[in-house]
Amino acid sequence: MNPIEQILSEYSMMILDGAFSTELERRGCDLNDPLWSTKVLMENPDIIGAVHEDYFKAGADCAITASYQATYEGFMKRGMTKEEAKELIQLSVRIATKVRDTFWGNPENRINRPKPIVAASVGPYGAFVADGSEYRGNYGLTKEQLEDFHRERMETLIEAGPDILACETIPCLVEAQAVVNILEEHSGMYAWISFSAKDGMRINSGEPIVDCARWLDSHPQVAAIGVNCTPPEFMESLISEIRKGTNKPIVLYPNSGEQYDAETKTWHGCSSGMCYGDAAKRWYKKGARLIGGCCRTTPEDIHNIALWSRE
């Protein structure tokens, strides 16, 4: 069964986790590397589990795995064998699943909430090339080339047994179409498709998000459609645009509001002092049903969503 549909049949919304990579950095990890957070799978997998656990304690109903930049090509560039790369990609799912099962094993953690699910992160092609192109969508690749890039690692993640795939930070419709084509080769597996957007109407490639929602709407294995890794001030407009194209659940997990410089790999500015929990309440009232956080958000932000959503 569609795991999102199952949760939303019993609860009014589903709380996602927050930032992963910037949370690892807060805990002392050096991610200035083309593999970004994925290199922690190689170096210190225990800290990945600790981040998942803190988000579950904060109230998250979903753990998004540390596989955003986990690709065969990336690991093999580091001199790993294909089997070693496969092991690391699947390790991301096993870590999240083990932490979830341990957390759910305590009856005190089951009060007034669904059993959390594990979403295997499928980052965009731009995350692999690590040149910021996931914020532009100008790959110059065909749908078939993108399918060739995504297929093996998606199959590897599915084999590891997550509840759902999180196909996230997608900057262009052709890449969304590529991952959906692969998804549909695996009956019974579901995914959410989450775009990165440049404003309140368009994804980073410049395509209207309503057109993306309309295309995805006819694909039953797409369990939710939405936006991540995007400034929070665009969320309400994007919700309205997405709703014009689909009745599927809307998933939102924006950044904190700071701006990322892809060249220097640093963050600038501030989150404008807004209360993330209060903003999430507005997004819920506007129609979003899966809400969490992306870059620079914290377990505290997720806890602030849980405070009002579980009153």
Protein backbone atom coordinates (compact mmCIF):
# COMPACT_ATOMS: atom_id res chain seq x y z
CA MET A 1 0.00 0.00 0.00
CA ASN A 2 1.03 3.58 -0.61
CA PRO A 3 2.66 4.46 2.76
CA ILE A 4 1.78 8.16 2.53
CA GLU A 5 -1.85 7.36 1.79
CA GLN A 6 -1.87 4.98 4.75
CA ILE A 7 -0.58 7.62 7.19
CA LEU A 8 -2.81 10.40 5.87
CA SER A 9 -5.86 8.15 6.17
CA GLU A 10 -5.38 8.25 9.95
CA TYR A 11 -3.55 11.51 10.61
CA SER A 12 -4.08 15.03 9.30
CA MET A 13 -0.48 15.44 8.20
CA MET A 14 2.90 13.73 8.05
CA ILE A 15 5.99 15.35 9.56
CA LEU A 16 9.24 14.89 7.65
CA ASP A 17 12.70 15.27 9.14
CA GLY A 18 14.91 18.31 8.62
CA ALA A 19 18.33 19.07 7.19
CA PHE A 20 20.78 16.21 7.12
CA SER A 21 24.03 17.53 5.73
CA THR A 22 24.00 20.81 7.62
CA GLU A 23 23.06 18.89 10.77
CA LEU A 24 26.12 16.67 10.28
CA GLU A 25 28.22 19.83 9.89
CA ARG A 26 26.77 21.18 13.13
CA ARG A 27 28.09 18.01 14.76
CA GLY A 28 31.61 18.51 13.45
CA CYS A 29 31.63 16.64 10.12
CA ASP A 30 33.64 18.16 7.27
CA LEU A 31 31.49 17.87 4.15
CA ASN A 32 33.59 20.00 1.80
CA ASP A 33 33.79 17.14 -0.65
CA PRO A 34 32.10 16.14 -3.93
CA LEU A 35 30.46 13.25 -2.03
CA TRP A 36 29.06 15.74 0.53
CA SER A 37 27.12 13.95 3.30
CA THR A 38 27.56 10.61 1.55
CA LYS A 39 31.20 10.48 2.60
CA VAL A 40 30.04 10.11 6.21
CA LEU A 41 28.65 6.70 5.23
CA MET A 42 32.29 5.76 4.63
CA GLU A 43 33.77 7.50 7.66
CA ASN A 44 31.29 7.58 10.54
CA PRO A 45 27.96 5.82 9.92
CA ASP A 46 27.08 5.95 13.63
CA ILE A 47 26.64 9.73 13.50
CA ILE A 48 24.14 9.29 10.66
CA GLY A 49 22.08 7.06 12.92
CA ALA A 50 22.30 9.64 15.72
CA VAL A 51 20.85 12.34 13.43
CA HIS A 52 17.97 10.07 12.41
CA GLU A 53 17.27 9.31 16.06
CA ASP A 54 17.19 12.98 17.03
CA TYR A 55 14.67 13.73 14.29
CA PHE A 56 12.44 10.86 15.41
CA LYS A 57 12.62 12.18 18.98
CA ALA A 58 11.71 15.64 17.67
CA GLY A 59 8.54 14.22 16.10
CA ALA A 60 9.44 13.22 12.54
CA ASP A 61 7.26 10.57 10.90
CA CYS A 62 9.88 9.91 8.23
CA ALA A 63 13.63 9.50 7.97
CA ILE A 64 15.16 10.50 4.64
CA THR A 65 18.29 8.42 4.11
CA ALA A 66 21.85 9.67 3.66
CA SER A 67 21.90 8.61 0.01
CA TYR A 68 21.29 11.96 -1.71
CA GLN A 69 24.70 11.88 -3.40
CA ALA A 70 25.30 8.14 -3.10
CA THR A 71 26.02 6.94 -6.63
CA TYR A 72 28.07 4.14 -8.11
CA GLU A 73 29.98 6.69 -10.18
CA GLY A 74 30.83 8.84 -7.16
CA PHE A 75 32.07 5.99 -4.98
CA MET A 76 33.98 4.30 -7.78
CA LYS A 77 35.80 7.57 -8.50
CA ARG A 78 37.20 7.10 -4.98
CA GLY A 79 38.65 3.76 -5.98
CA MET A 80 35.89 1.56 -4.58
CA THR A 81 34.68 -1.56 -6.32
CA LYS A 82 31.13 -1.77 -7.58
CA GLU A 83 30.22 -4.14 -4.75
CA GLU A 84 31.67 -1.76 -2.16
CA ALA A 85 29.64 1.07 -3.67
CA LYS A 86 26.48 -1.04 -3.56
CA GLU A 87 27.11 -1.85 0.11
CA LEU A 88 27.39 1.83 1.03
CA ILE A 89 24.29 2.84 -0.93
CA GLN A 90 22.25 0.16 0.81
CA LEU A 91 23.85 0.92 4.18
CA SER A 92 22.06 4.28 4.15
CA VAL A 93 18.71 2.46 4.15
CA ARG A 94 19.74 -0.09 6.75
CA ILE A 95 20.91 2.60 9.17
CA ALA A 96 17.64 4.51 8.98
CA THR A 97 15.56 1.33 9.24
CA LYS A 98 17.44 0.08 12.29
CA VAL A 99 17.10 3.40 14.09
CA ARG A 100 13.39 3.58 13.22
CA ASP A 101 12.74 0.05 14.46
CA THR A 102 14.61 0.66 17.72
CA PHE A 103 12.74 3.92 18.27
CA TRP A 104 9.36 2.30 17.56
CA GLY A 105 10.20 -0.59 19.86
CA ASN A 106 9.68 1.71 22.84
CA PRO A 107 5.90 1.93 23.56
CA GLU A 108 6.36 5.49 24.86
CA ASN A 109 7.35 6.58 21.35
CA ARG A 110 4.11 5.32 19.81
CA ILE A 111 1.73 7.76 21.46
CA ASN A 112 -0.41 9.90 19.13
CA ARG A 113 1.75 9.32 16.04
CA PRO A 114 2.13 6.89 13.13
CA LYS A 115 4.97 4.44 12.81
CA PRO A 116 7.68 6.42 11.00
CA ILE A 117 8.64 5.41 7.48
CA VAL A 118 12.04 5.30 5.76
CA ALA A 119 12.38 7.28 2.52
CA ALA A 120 15.42 6.48 0.39
CA SER A 121 16.80 9.74 -0.94
CA VAL A 122 17.39 9.94 -4.69
CA GLY A 123 19.20 13.17 -5.40
CA PRO A 124 19.35 14.79 -8.85
CA TYR A 125 22.08 14.35 -11.44
CA GLY A 126 23.37 17.79 -10.44
CA ALA A 127 24.17 16.53 -6.96
CA PHE A 128 26.53 13.95 -8.46
CA VAL A 129 28.41 16.43 -10.63
CA ALA A 130 28.54 18.77 -7.60
CA ASP A 131 28.59 21.97 -9.65
CA GLY A 132 25.34 23.51 -8.42
CA SER A 133 23.42 22.49 -11.55
CA GLU A 134 20.59 21.13 -9.40
CA TYR A 135 19.84 24.82 -8.84
CA ARG A 136 19.76 25.51 -12.59
CA GLY A 137 18.54 22.35 -14.31
CA ASN A 138 20.70 22.98 -17.37
CA TYR A 139 22.20 19.51 -17.70
CA GLY A 140 22.08 19.23 -21.47
CA LEU A 141 21.14 15.55 -21.09
CA THR A 142 18.27 13.62 -22.66
CA LYS A 143 15.65 11.72 -20.68
CA GLU A 144 17.28 8.48 -21.76
CA GLN A 145 20.69 9.64 -20.50
CA LEU A 146 19.15 10.61 -17.17
CA GLU A 147 17.45 7.22 -16.94
CA ASP A 148 20.82 5.56 -17.52
CA PHE A 149 22.30 7.61 -14.69
CA HIS A 150 19.52 6.95 -12.17
CA ARG A 151 18.47 3.38 -12.92
CA GLU A 152 21.08 1.26 -11.15
CA ARG A 153 21.22 3.23 -7.93
CA MET A 154 17.41 3.44 -7.74
CA GLU A 155 17.26 -0.33 -8.18
CA THR A 156 19.93 -0.72 -5.49
CA LEU A 157 18.00 1.47 -3.05
CA ILE A 158 14.72 -0.34 -3.77
CA GLU A 159 16.45 -3.68 -3.15
CA ALA A 160 17.44 -2.44 0.33
CA GLY A 161 13.76 -2.25 1.29
CA PRO A 162 12.79 1.36 2.07
CA ASP A 163 9.12 2.24 2.49
CA ILE A 164 9.26 4.86 -0.26
CA LEU A 165 11.69 6.81 -2.45
CA ALA A 166 12.27 10.53 -1.94
CA CYS A 167 13.21 11.85 -5.39
CA GLU A 168 14.24 15.30 -4.29
CA THR A 169 15.69 18.65 -5.39
CA ILE A 170 14.72 17.84 -8.99
CA PRO A 171 15.37 20.99 -11.08
CA CYS A 172 13.71 20.08 -14.39
CA LEU A 173 10.70 18.13 -15.62
CA VAL A 174 12.75 15.83 -17.88
CA GLU A 175 14.60 14.48 -14.83
CA ALA A 176 11.32 13.90 -13.00
CA GLN A 177 10.05 12.01 -16.05
CA ALA A 178 13.22 9.90 -16.09
CA VAL A 179 12.92 8.83 -12.45
CA VAL A 180 9.19 8.12 -12.79
CA ASN A 181 9.87 5.90 -15.80
CA ILE A 182 12.32 3.88 -13.70
CA LEU A 183 9.94 3.84 -10.72
CA GLU A 184 7.26 2.28 -12.91
CA GLU A 185 9.58 -0.62 -13.67
CA HIS A 186 9.06 -1.63 -10.00
CA SER A 187 5.42 -2.28 -9.24
CA GLY A 188 4.48 -1.77 -5.62
CA MET A 189 7.15 0.89 -5.00
CA TYR A 190 6.09 4.50 -4.47
CA ALA A 191 7.96 7.80 -4.51
CA TRP A 192 7.40 11.45 -3.86
CA ILE A 193 8.77 13.89 -6.43
CA SER A 194 10.06 17.13 -4.97
CA PHE A 195 11.35 19.95 -7.16
CA SER A 196 13.73 22.80 -6.37
CA ALA A 197 12.13 26.12 -7.33
CA LYS A 198 13.45 29.55 -8.30
CA ASP A 199 10.33 31.52 -7.35
CA GLY A 200 6.68 31.06 -6.45
CA MET A 201 5.68 29.64 -9.82
CA ARG A 202 8.67 28.04 -11.57
CA ILE A 203 11.10 25.26 -10.83
CA ASN A 204 14.81 25.99 -11.25
CA SER A 205 14.79 25.17 -14.97
CA GLY A 206 12.19 27.91 -15.46
CA GLU A 207 9.34 25.48 -16.19
CA PRO A 208 6.01 26.24 -14.46
CA ILE A 209 5.51 23.90 -11.52
CA VAL A 210 1.83 23.53 -12.43
CA ASP A 211 2.91 21.83 -15.68
CA CYS A 212 5.10 19.44 -13.69
CA ALA A 213 2.24 18.65 -11.32
CA ARG A 214 -0.10 17.97 -14.24
CA TRP A 215 2.34 15.52 -15.82
CA LEU A 216 2.94 13.67 -12.55
CA ASP A 217 -0.73 13.57 -11.61
CA SER A 218 -1.51 10.67 -13.95
CA HIS A 219 1.18 8.41 -12.49
CA PRO A 220 -0.24 6.38 -9.57
CA GLN A 221 3.13 5.40 -8.09
CA VAL A 222 3.87 9.08 -7.46
CA ALA A 223 2.53 9.38 -3.92
CA ALA A 224 3.09 13.12 -3.41
CA ILE A 225 4.35 16.14 -5.34
CA GLY A 226 6.08 19.20 -3.99
CA VAL A 227 9.13 21.32 -3.34
CA ASN A 228 12.31 21.22 -1.26
CA CYS A 229 15.62 23.10 -1.04
CA THR A 230 13.83 26.37 -1.84
CA PRO A 231 13.39 29.62 0.15
CA PRO A 232 10.40 29.45 2.51
CA GLU A 233 8.87 32.69 1.23
CA PHE A 234 7.85 30.93 -2.00
CA MET A 235 5.95 28.08 -0.34
CA GLU A 236 2.41 29.46 -0.22
CA SER A 237 2.43 30.46 -3.87
CA LEU A 238 3.94 27.12 -4.89
CA ILE A 239 1.25 25.23 -2.98
CA SER A 240 -1.41 27.12 -4.94
CA GLU A 241 0.31 26.40 -8.26
CA ILE A 242 0.79 22.69 -7.52
CA ARG A 243 -2.84 22.32 -6.47
CA LYS A 244 -3.95 23.62 -9.89
CA GLY A 245 -2.34 20.56 -11.45
CA THR A 246 -3.01 17.72 -9.01
CA ASN A 247 -5.02 16.48 -6.06
CA LYS A 248 -2.14 14.35 -4.79
CA PRO A 249 -0.73 15.22 -1.35
CA ILE A 250 1.66 18.17 -1.42
CA VAL A 251 5.10 17.71 0.15
CA LEU A 252 7.13 20.72 1.31
CA TYR A 253 10.50 20.93 2.99
CA PRO A 254 12.11 24.29 2.28
CA ASN A 255 15.42 25.66 3.45
CA SER A 256 15.67 27.81 6.55
CA GLY A 257 15.82 30.97 4.43
CA GLU A 258 19.58 31.38 4.12
CA GLN A 259 21.16 31.46 0.66
CA TYR A 260 23.66 28.85 -0.60
CA ASP A 261 26.68 29.81 -2.72
CA ALA A 262 27.43 26.73 -4.86
CA GLU A 263 30.91 28.01 -5.76
CA THR A 264 32.17 28.59 -2.22
CA LYS A 265 29.86 25.93 -0.71
CA THR A 266 28.87 28.32 2.07
CA TRP A 267 25.62 29.79 3.43
CA HIS A 268 24.87 33.49 3.77
CA GLY A 269 22.15 35.61 5.31
CA CYS A 270 19.65 34.55 7.90
CA SER A 271 16.21 33.05 8.13
CA SER A 272 14.61 36.49 8.65
CA GLY A 273 13.75 35.58 12.22
CA MET A 274 10.61 33.70 11.28
CA CYS A 275 9.39 30.88 13.48
CA TYR A 276 9.63 27.79 11.32
CA GLY A 277 6.85 26.04 13.20
CA ASP A 278 4.46 28.94 12.65
CA ALA A 279 5.33 29.10 8.96
CA ALA A 280 4.70 25.36 8.63
CA LYS A 281 1.25 25.89 10.12
CA ARG A 282 0.47 28.38 7.35
CA TRP A 283 1.65 25.89 4.72
CA TYR A 284 -0.59 23.24 6.26
CA LYS A 285 -3.60 25.57 6.19
CA LYS A 286 -2.79 26.34 2.56
CA GLY A 287 -2.91 22.64 1.69
CA ALA A 288 0.49 20.97 2.29
CA ARG A 289 0.21 17.59 4.03
CA LEU A 290 3.84 16.42 4.24
CA ILE A 291 5.99 19.09 5.87
CA GLY A 292 9.59 19.10 7.05
CA GLY A 293 12.78 21.04 6.48
CA CYS A 294 15.73 21.10 4.14
CA CYS A 295 19.09 22.90 4.41
CA ARG A 296 19.89 24.63 7.73
CA THR A 297 16.75 23.44 9.51
CA THR A 298 17.20 21.53 12.75
CA PRO A 299 15.48 18.99 15.03
CA GLU A 300 14.17 21.98 16.97
CA ASP A 301 12.35 23.22 13.87
CA ILE A 302 10.78 19.79 13.40
CA HIS A 303 9.79 19.73 17.06
CA ASN A 304 8.07 23.08 16.62
CA ILE A 305 5.94 21.57 13.85
CA ALA A 306 5.05 18.60 16.06
CA LEU A 307 3.98 20.91 18.89
CA TRP A 308 0.99 22.32 16.99
CA SER A 309 0.21 19.39 14.69
CA ARG A 310 -0.24 16.94 17.58
CA GLU A 311 -2.20 19.16 19.93
